[in-house]
Amino acid sequence: MRPAFTHEQDPADWCAVIAVFFLALVWWRLGVPSRIYFDEVHYVPAARKLIEGVRANPEHPLLAKQVLAWSIQGLGDKPYCSAIHLSLSDIAVGCALGYLDFRFPHEPWRPGHPKLTAWYEKVVQLPPMAQTMPVG
């Protein structure tokens, strides 16, 4: 059985074009959505209070607020890092970081970026990412 990608078949040019395209799209639409929606209206403020040690909204399940609080603590309190939304930009960045690991394993990017490393380790465990990781 042959690996899905090898260094000889590496689509570096296309990966770069796609990453630049999605980066431009993200920068253009960075503020959209500009506010949180649905249950996040209740969960995010409750998770922020939970970080401070205050239990809020006891009528809502604690587990979801606790998971959200952990992600806010681990990745920062930003809409694109708190697991509220997973967008094409997340996939593009995940692919770009995976490409760095695959193509340039001798260039360590992780030591200087602990939060990005933590985010990446979570994203690569998602089934679509895990099933398409390059081998070789």
N, C-alpha and C. Protein backbone atom coordinates (compact mmCIF):
# COMPACT_ATOMS: atom_id res chain seq x y z
N MET A 1 0.83 -1.17 0.00
CA MET A 1 0.00 0.00 0.00
C MET A 1 0.88 1.25 0.00
N ARG A 2 0.58 2.17 -0.86
CA ARG A 2 1.34 3.39 -1.02
C ARG A 2 0.78 4.52 -0.16
N PRO A 3 1.62 5.35 0.43
CA PRO A 3 1.10 6.48 1.20
C PRO A 3 0.32 7.45 0.33
N ALA A 4 -0.58 8.21 0.92
CA ALA A 4 -1.41 9.14 0.19
C ALA A 4 -0.58 10.21 -0.52
N PHE A 5 0.42 10.75 0.15
CA PHE A 5 1.31 11.75 -0.43
C PHE A 5 2.75 11.38 -0.11
N THR A 6 3.60 11.63 -1.04
CA THR A 6 5.03 11.48 -0.80
C THR A 6 5.67 12.83 -1.10
N HIS A 7 6.92 12.98 -0.76
CA HIS A 7 7.59 14.25 -1.02
C HIS A 7 7.65 14.56 -2.52
N GLU A 8 7.69 13.54 -3.37
CA GLU A 8 7.75 13.77 -4.81
C GLU A 8 6.42 14.27 -5.35
N GLN A 9 5.31 13.91 -4.71
CA GLN A 9 3.98 14.30 -5.19
C GLN A 9 3.42 15.48 -4.41
N ASP A 10 4.19 16.11 -3.61
CA ASP A 10 3.73 17.15 -2.71
C ASP A 10 3.20 18.35 -3.49
N PRO A 11 1.94 18.72 -3.29
CA PRO A 11 1.36 19.86 -4.02
C PRO A 11 1.64 21.20 -3.34
N ALA A 12 2.89 21.54 -3.20
CA ALA A 12 3.29 22.74 -2.45
C ALA A 12 2.70 24.02 -3.04
N ASP A 13 2.72 24.15 -4.34
CA ASP A 13 2.22 25.38 -4.96
C ASP A 13 0.74 25.57 -4.70
N TRP A 14 -0.03 24.51 -4.88
CA TRP A 14 -1.47 24.61 -4.63
C TRP A 14 -1.77 24.88 -3.17
N CYS A 15 -1.03 24.27 -2.27
CA CYS A 15 -1.22 24.52 -0.83
C CYS A 15 -0.98 25.98 -0.50
N ALA A 16 0.06 26.55 -1.08
CA ALA A 16 0.37 27.96 -0.82
C ALA A 16 -0.72 28.87 -1.37
N VAL A 17 -1.20 28.60 -2.58
CA VAL A 17 -2.26 29.42 -3.18
C VAL A 17 -3.52 29.35 -2.34
N ILE A 18 -3.92 28.16 -1.92
CA ILE A 18 -5.13 27.99 -1.11
C ILE A 18 -4.97 28.69 0.24
N ALA A 19 -3.82 28.54 0.87
CA ALA A 19 -3.59 29.18 2.17
C ALA A 19 -3.65 30.71 2.05
N VAL A 20 -3.04 31.27 1.01
CA VAL A 20 -3.07 32.72 0.82
C VAL A 20 -4.49 33.20 0.54
N PHE A 21 -5.23 32.44 -0.27
CA PHE A 21 -6.61 32.80 -0.56
C PHE A 21 -7.46 32.84 0.71
N PHE A 22 -7.35 31.81 1.53
CA PHE A 22 -8.15 31.78 2.75
C PHE A 22 -7.68 32.81 3.77
N LEU A 23 -6.39 33.10 3.82
CA LEU A 23 -5.91 34.14 4.71
C LEU A 23 -6.48 35.49 4.30
N ALA A 24 -6.51 35.78 3.00
CA ALA A 24 -7.11 37.03 2.51
C ALA A 24 -8.59 37.08 2.85
N LEU A 25 -9.29 35.97 2.68
CA LEU A 25 -10.71 35.91 3.01
C LEU A 25 -10.95 36.14 4.49
N VAL A 26 -10.13 35.56 5.32
CA VAL A 26 -10.27 35.73 6.77
C VAL A 26 -10.03 37.18 7.15
N TRP A 27 -8.97 37.79 6.64
CA TRP A 27 -8.69 39.18 6.98
C TRP A 27 -9.79 40.10 6.51
N TRP A 28 -10.40 39.78 5.37
CA TRP A 28 -11.47 40.61 4.83
C TRP A 28 -12.74 40.49 5.68
N ARG A 29 -13.02 39.27 6.18
CA ARG A 29 -14.25 39.02 6.94
C ARG A 29 -13.98 38.70 8.41
N LEU A 30 -12.90 39.22 8.97
CA LEU A 30 -12.50 38.87 10.32
C LEU A 30 -13.55 39.22 11.37
N GLY A 31 -14.27 40.29 11.20
CA GLY A 31 -15.26 40.69 12.18
C GLY A 31 -16.61 40.05 12.02
N VAL A 32 -16.79 39.12 11.08
CA VAL A 32 -18.08 38.47 10.85
C VAL A 32 -18.01 37.04 11.34
N PRO A 33 -18.85 36.56 12.18
CA PRO A 33 -19.86 37.33 12.89
C PRO A 33 -19.20 38.20 13.96
N SER A 34 -19.78 39.36 14.18
CA SER A 34 -19.20 40.30 15.13
C SER A 34 -19.72 40.10 16.54
N ARG A 35 -20.65 39.20 16.71
CA ARG A 35 -21.16 38.90 18.05
C ARG A 35 -21.49 37.41 18.12
N ILE A 36 -21.67 36.93 19.31
CA ILE A 36 -21.97 35.52 19.50
C ILE A 36 -23.47 35.28 19.37
N TYR A 37 -23.85 34.07 19.02
CA TYR A 37 -25.24 33.75 18.73
C TYR A 37 -25.72 32.59 19.59
N PHE A 38 -27.05 32.41 19.62
CA PHE A 38 -27.74 31.28 20.24
C PHE A 38 -27.28 31.06 21.68
N ASP A 39 -26.93 29.83 22.03
CA ASP A 39 -26.56 29.53 23.41
C ASP A 39 -25.26 30.19 23.83
N GLU A 40 -24.42 30.57 22.86
CA GLU A 40 -23.18 31.23 23.23
C GLU A 40 -23.44 32.53 23.98
N VAL A 41 -24.62 33.14 23.75
CA VAL A 41 -24.98 34.35 24.47
C VAL A 41 -24.97 34.08 25.97
N HIS A 42 -25.35 32.86 26.38
CA HIS A 42 -25.38 32.50 27.79
C HIS A 42 -24.10 31.78 28.22
N TYR A 43 -23.60 30.88 27.37
CA TYR A 43 -22.47 30.04 27.77
C TYR A 43 -21.16 30.80 27.89
N VAL A 44 -20.86 31.69 26.97
CA VAL A 44 -19.57 32.38 27.00
C VAL A 44 -19.44 33.27 28.24
N PRO A 45 -20.44 34.13 28.56
CA PRO A 45 -20.30 34.90 29.80
C PRO A 45 -20.25 34.00 31.04
N ALA A 46 -21.01 32.91 31.04
CA ALA A 46 -20.98 31.98 32.18
C ALA A 46 -19.62 31.30 32.28
N ALA A 47 -19.01 30.97 31.15
CA ALA A 47 -17.68 30.36 31.17
C ALA A 47 -16.64 31.35 31.68
N ARG A 48 -16.78 32.62 31.30
CA ARG A 48 -15.85 33.64 31.80
C ARG A 48 -15.97 33.79 33.32
N LYS A 49 -17.21 33.74 33.83
CA LYS A 49 -17.41 33.81 35.28
C LYS A 49 -16.86 32.56 35.96
N LEU A 50 -17.01 31.41 35.30
CA LEU A 50 -16.50 30.16 35.85
C LEU A 50 -14.98 30.21 36.00
N ILE A 51 -14.32 30.86 35.09
CA ILE A 51 -12.86 31.04 35.18
C ILE A 51 -12.51 31.85 36.43
N GLU A 52 -13.37 32.80 36.76
CA GLU A 52 -13.16 33.63 37.95
C GLU A 52 -13.58 32.92 39.23
N GLY A 53 -14.18 31.74 39.10
CA GLY A 53 -14.59 30.98 40.28
C GLY A 53 -16.03 31.18 40.70
N VAL A 54 -16.81 31.86 39.87
CA VAL A 54 -18.21 32.13 40.17
C VAL A 54 -19.07 31.27 39.26
N ARG A 55 -20.00 30.51 39.84
CA ARG A 55 -20.89 29.69 39.03
C ARG A 55 -22.08 30.52 38.60
N ALA A 56 -22.33 30.59 37.31
CA ALA A 56 -23.43 31.37 36.75
C ALA A 56 -24.35 30.48 35.93
N ASN A 57 -25.57 30.90 35.78
CA ASN A 57 -26.58 30.17 35.00
C ASN A 57 -26.68 28.71 35.41
N PRO A 58 -27.07 28.41 36.63
CA PRO A 58 -27.14 27.01 37.06
C PRO A 58 -28.18 26.19 36.30
N GLU A 59 -29.09 26.86 35.58
CA GLU A 59 -30.09 26.13 34.80
C GLU A 59 -29.51 25.51 33.54
N HIS A 60 -28.33 25.96 33.14
CA HIS A 60 -27.66 25.40 31.97
C HIS A 60 -26.66 24.35 32.42
N PRO A 61 -26.40 23.34 31.59
CA PRO A 61 -25.45 22.27 31.97
C PRO A 61 -24.05 22.82 32.27
N LEU A 62 -23.45 22.32 33.32
CA LEU A 62 -22.12 22.78 33.73
C LEU A 62 -21.03 22.30 32.78
N LEU A 63 -21.15 21.09 32.25
CA LEU A 63 -20.09 20.51 31.43
C LEU A 63 -19.75 21.40 30.23
N ALA A 64 -20.76 21.87 29.51
CA ALA A 64 -20.50 22.69 28.33
C ALA A 64 -19.79 23.98 28.70
N LYS A 65 -20.22 24.59 29.80
CA LYS A 65 -19.56 25.83 30.25
C LYS A 65 -18.13 25.56 30.69
N GLN A 66 -17.90 24.43 31.33
CA GLN A 66 -16.56 24.10 31.79
C GLN A 66 -15.62 23.84 30.61
N VAL A 67 -16.09 23.12 29.61
CA VAL A 67 -15.27 22.87 28.42
C VAL A 67 -14.95 24.18 27.71
N LEU A 68 -15.93 25.05 27.61
CA LEU A 68 -15.71 26.34 26.99
C LEU A 68 -14.72 27.17 27.81
N ALA A 69 -14.82 27.13 29.14
CA ALA A 69 -13.88 27.85 30.00
C ALA A 69 -12.47 27.33 29.82
N TRP A 70 -12.31 26.01 29.74
CA TRP A 70 -10.97 25.44 29.51
C TRP A 70 -10.40 25.89 28.18
N SER A 71 -11.23 25.91 27.14
CA SER A 71 -10.72 26.32 25.83
C SER A 71 -10.36 27.81 25.84
N ILE A 72 -11.14 28.62 26.56
CA ILE A 72 -10.80 30.04 26.68
C ILE A 72 -9.48 30.21 27.42
N GLN A 73 -9.29 29.46 28.50
CA GLN A 73 -8.04 29.54 29.25
C GLN A 73 -6.86 29.05 28.42
N GLY A 74 -7.05 27.98 27.68
CA GLY A 74 -5.95 27.38 26.92
C GLY A 74 -5.60 28.12 25.65
N LEU A 75 -6.60 28.67 24.96
CA LEU A 75 -6.36 29.26 23.65
C LEU A 75 -6.58 30.77 23.60
N GLY A 76 -7.10 31.34 24.65
CA GLY A 76 -7.36 32.77 24.65
C GLY A 76 -8.83 33.06 24.45
N ASP A 77 -9.25 34.23 24.85
CA ASP A 77 -10.66 34.60 24.78
C ASP A 77 -10.93 35.36 23.48
N LYS A 78 -10.85 34.64 22.39
CA LYS A 78 -11.10 35.21 21.07
C LYS A 78 -12.12 34.33 20.36
N PRO A 79 -13.03 34.89 19.56
CA PRO A 79 -14.06 34.07 18.93
C PRO A 79 -13.50 32.96 18.05
N TYR A 80 -12.36 33.20 17.42
CA TYR A 80 -11.82 32.17 16.55
C TYR A 80 -10.99 31.14 17.30
N CYS A 81 -10.82 31.29 18.60
CA CYS A 81 -10.04 30.33 19.39
C CYS A 81 -10.83 29.67 20.51
N SER A 82 -12.09 30.02 20.68
CA SER A 82 -12.82 29.49 21.83
C SER A 82 -13.76 28.36 21.47
N ALA A 83 -13.58 27.75 20.33
CA ALA A 83 -14.37 26.60 19.89
C ALA A 83 -15.83 26.96 19.66
N ILE A 84 -16.12 28.24 19.45
CA ILE A 84 -17.49 28.62 19.13
C ILE A 84 -17.77 28.30 17.66
N HIS A 85 -16.84 28.66 16.81
CA HIS A 85 -17.00 28.45 15.37
C HIS A 85 -15.76 27.75 14.82
N LEU A 86 -15.96 26.84 13.89
CA LEU A 86 -14.85 26.24 13.15
C LEU A 86 -15.08 26.63 11.70
N SER A 87 -14.15 27.37 11.15
CA SER A 87 -14.35 27.93 9.82
C SER A 87 -13.32 27.38 8.83
N LEU A 88 -13.47 27.81 7.60
CA LEU A 88 -12.51 27.42 6.57
C LEU A 88 -11.11 27.94 6.90
N SER A 89 -11.04 29.06 7.59
CA SER A 89 -9.73 29.58 7.97
C SER A 89 -9.04 28.65 8.97
N ASP A 90 -9.83 28.05 9.88
CA ASP A 90 -9.26 27.07 10.81
C ASP A 90 -8.68 25.88 10.04
N ILE A 91 -9.42 25.43 9.04
CA ILE A 91 -8.97 24.30 8.24
C ILE A 91 -7.72 24.69 7.45
N ALA A 92 -7.70 25.91 6.91
CA ALA A 92 -6.54 26.37 6.14
C ALA A 92 -5.30 26.46 7.03
N VAL A 93 -5.45 27.02 8.23
CA VAL A 93 -4.30 27.13 9.13
C VAL A 93 -3.86 25.74 9.58
N GLY A 94 -4.82 24.86 9.87
CA GLY A 94 -4.47 23.49 10.25
C GLY A 94 -3.71 22.78 9.15
N CYS A 95 -4.14 22.97 7.91
CA CYS A 95 -3.44 22.36 6.77
C CYS A 95 -2.05 22.97 6.60
N ALA A 96 -1.94 24.27 6.78
CA ALA A 96 -0.64 24.92 6.64
C ALA A 96 0.35 24.43 7.71
N LEU A 97 -0.12 24.28 8.94
CA LEU A 97 0.76 23.79 10.00
C LEU A 97 1.12 22.32 9.78
N GLY A 98 0.15 21.54 9.30
CA GLY A 98 0.45 20.15 8.97
C GLY A 98 1.46 20.06 7.85
N TYR A 99 1.36 20.99 6.90
CA TYR A 99 2.32 21.02 5.80
C TYR A 99 3.72 21.35 6.32
N LEU A 100 3.81 22.28 7.28
CA LEU A 100 5.11 22.59 7.88
C LEU A 100 5.71 21.35 8.54
N ASP A 101 4.88 20.62 9.27
CA ASP A 101 5.37 19.39 9.91
C ASP A 101 5.82 18.36 8.88
N PHE A 102 5.08 18.27 7.78
CA PHE A 102 5.37 17.26 6.76
C PHE A 102 6.59 17.64 5.90
N ARG A 103 6.60 18.87 5.43
CA ARG A 103 7.62 19.29 4.48
C ARG A 103 8.91 19.77 5.15
N PHE A 104 8.79 20.39 6.32
CA PHE A 104 9.94 20.97 7.01
C PHE A 104 10.03 20.48 8.45
N PRO A 105 10.19 19.19 8.67
CA PRO A 105 10.22 18.68 10.04
C PRO A 105 11.43 19.19 10.84
N HIS A 106 12.46 19.63 10.15
CA HIS A 106 13.66 20.14 10.82
C HIS A 106 13.52 21.61 11.24
N GLU A 107 12.41 22.27 10.87
CA GLU A 107 12.15 23.67 11.25
C GLU A 107 11.08 23.69 12.33
N PRO A 108 11.45 23.73 13.60
CA PRO A 108 10.45 23.66 14.67
C PRO A 108 9.67 24.97 14.83
N TRP A 109 8.37 24.93 14.64
CA TRP A 109 7.53 26.10 14.85
C TRP A 109 6.82 26.04 16.22
N ARG A 110 6.74 24.86 16.81
CA ARG A 110 5.98 24.69 18.05
C ARG A 110 6.58 25.35 19.29
N PRO A 111 7.89 25.31 19.52
CA PRO A 111 8.42 25.84 20.79
C PRO A 111 8.06 27.31 21.06
N GLY A 112 8.02 28.12 20.07
CA GLY A 112 7.73 29.53 20.29
C GLY A 112 6.26 29.89 20.25
N HIS A 113 5.38 28.90 20.02
CA HIS A 113 3.95 29.17 19.85
C HIS A 113 3.12 28.15 20.62
N PRO A 114 3.12 28.20 21.95
CA PRO A 114 2.43 27.17 22.74
C PRO A 114 0.91 27.14 22.54
N LYS A 115 0.27 28.30 22.39
CA LYS A 115 -1.19 28.30 22.21
C LYS A 115 -1.57 27.79 20.82
N LEU A 116 -0.80 28.16 19.82
CA LEU A 116 -1.04 27.65 18.48
C LEU A 116 -0.82 26.14 18.45
N THR A 117 0.19 25.66 19.15
CA THR A 117 0.45 24.22 19.24
C THR A 117 -0.73 23.51 19.90
N ALA A 118 -1.24 24.07 20.99
CA ALA A 118 -2.39 23.46 21.68
C ALA A 118 -3.61 23.42 20.77
N TRP A 119 -3.84 24.50 20.03
CA TRP A 119 -4.97 24.54 19.09
C TRP A 119 -4.79 23.49 17.99
N TYR A 120 -3.59 23.42 17.45
CA TYR A 120 -3.31 22.48 16.37
C TYR A 120 -3.49 21.04 16.82
N GLU A 121 -3.04 20.72 18.02
CA GLU A 121 -3.17 19.35 18.52
C GLU A 121 -4.63 18.95 18.66
N LYS A 122 -5.52 19.91 18.95
CA LYS A 122 -6.95 19.61 19.02
C LYS A 122 -7.55 19.45 17.63
N VAL A 123 -7.16 20.33 16.71
CA VAL A 123 -7.74 20.30 15.37
C VAL A 123 -7.35 19.04 14.61
N VAL A 124 -6.11 18.58 14.75
CA VAL A 124 -5.68 17.41 13.98
C VAL A 124 -6.35 16.13 14.46
N GLN A 125 -7.01 16.17 15.60
CA GLN A 125 -7.72 14.99 16.07
C GLN A 125 -9.14 14.90 15.52
N LEU A 126 -9.62 15.97 14.88
CA LEU A 126 -10.93 15.92 14.25
C LEU A 126 -10.88 14.91 13.10
N PRO A 127 -11.94 14.12 12.92
CA PRO A 127 -11.90 13.07 11.89
C PRO A 127 -11.50 13.54 10.49
N PRO A 128 -12.03 14.65 9.96
CA PRO A 128 -11.60 15.05 8.62
C PRO A 128 -10.11 15.33 8.52
N MET A 129 -9.54 15.93 9.56
CA MET A 129 -8.10 16.22 9.54
C MET A 129 -7.29 14.95 9.75
N ALA A 130 -7.71 14.13 10.68
CA ALA A 130 -6.96 12.90 10.99
C ALA A 130 -6.93 11.95 9.79
N GLN A 131 -8.03 11.92 9.01
CA GLN A 131 -8.11 10.99 7.88
C GLN A 131 -7.32 11.49 6.66
N THR A 132 -6.94 12.74 6.65
CA THR A 132 -6.26 13.28 5.47
C THR A 132 -4.83 13.73 5.76
N MET A 133 -4.28 13.30 6.87
CA MET A 133 -2.89 13.67 7.20
C MET A 133 -1.94 13.02 6.20
N PRO A 134 -0.97 13.76 5.68
CA PRO A 134 -0.02 13.16 4.75
C PRO A 134 0.89 12.15 5.47
N VAL A 135 1.29 11.15 4.71
CA VAL A 135 2.15 10.11 5.25
C VAL A 135 3.45 10.11 4.44
N GLY A 136 4.55 9.98 5.09
CA GLY A 136 5.79 9.89 4.34
C GLY A 136 6.84 10.58 5.03
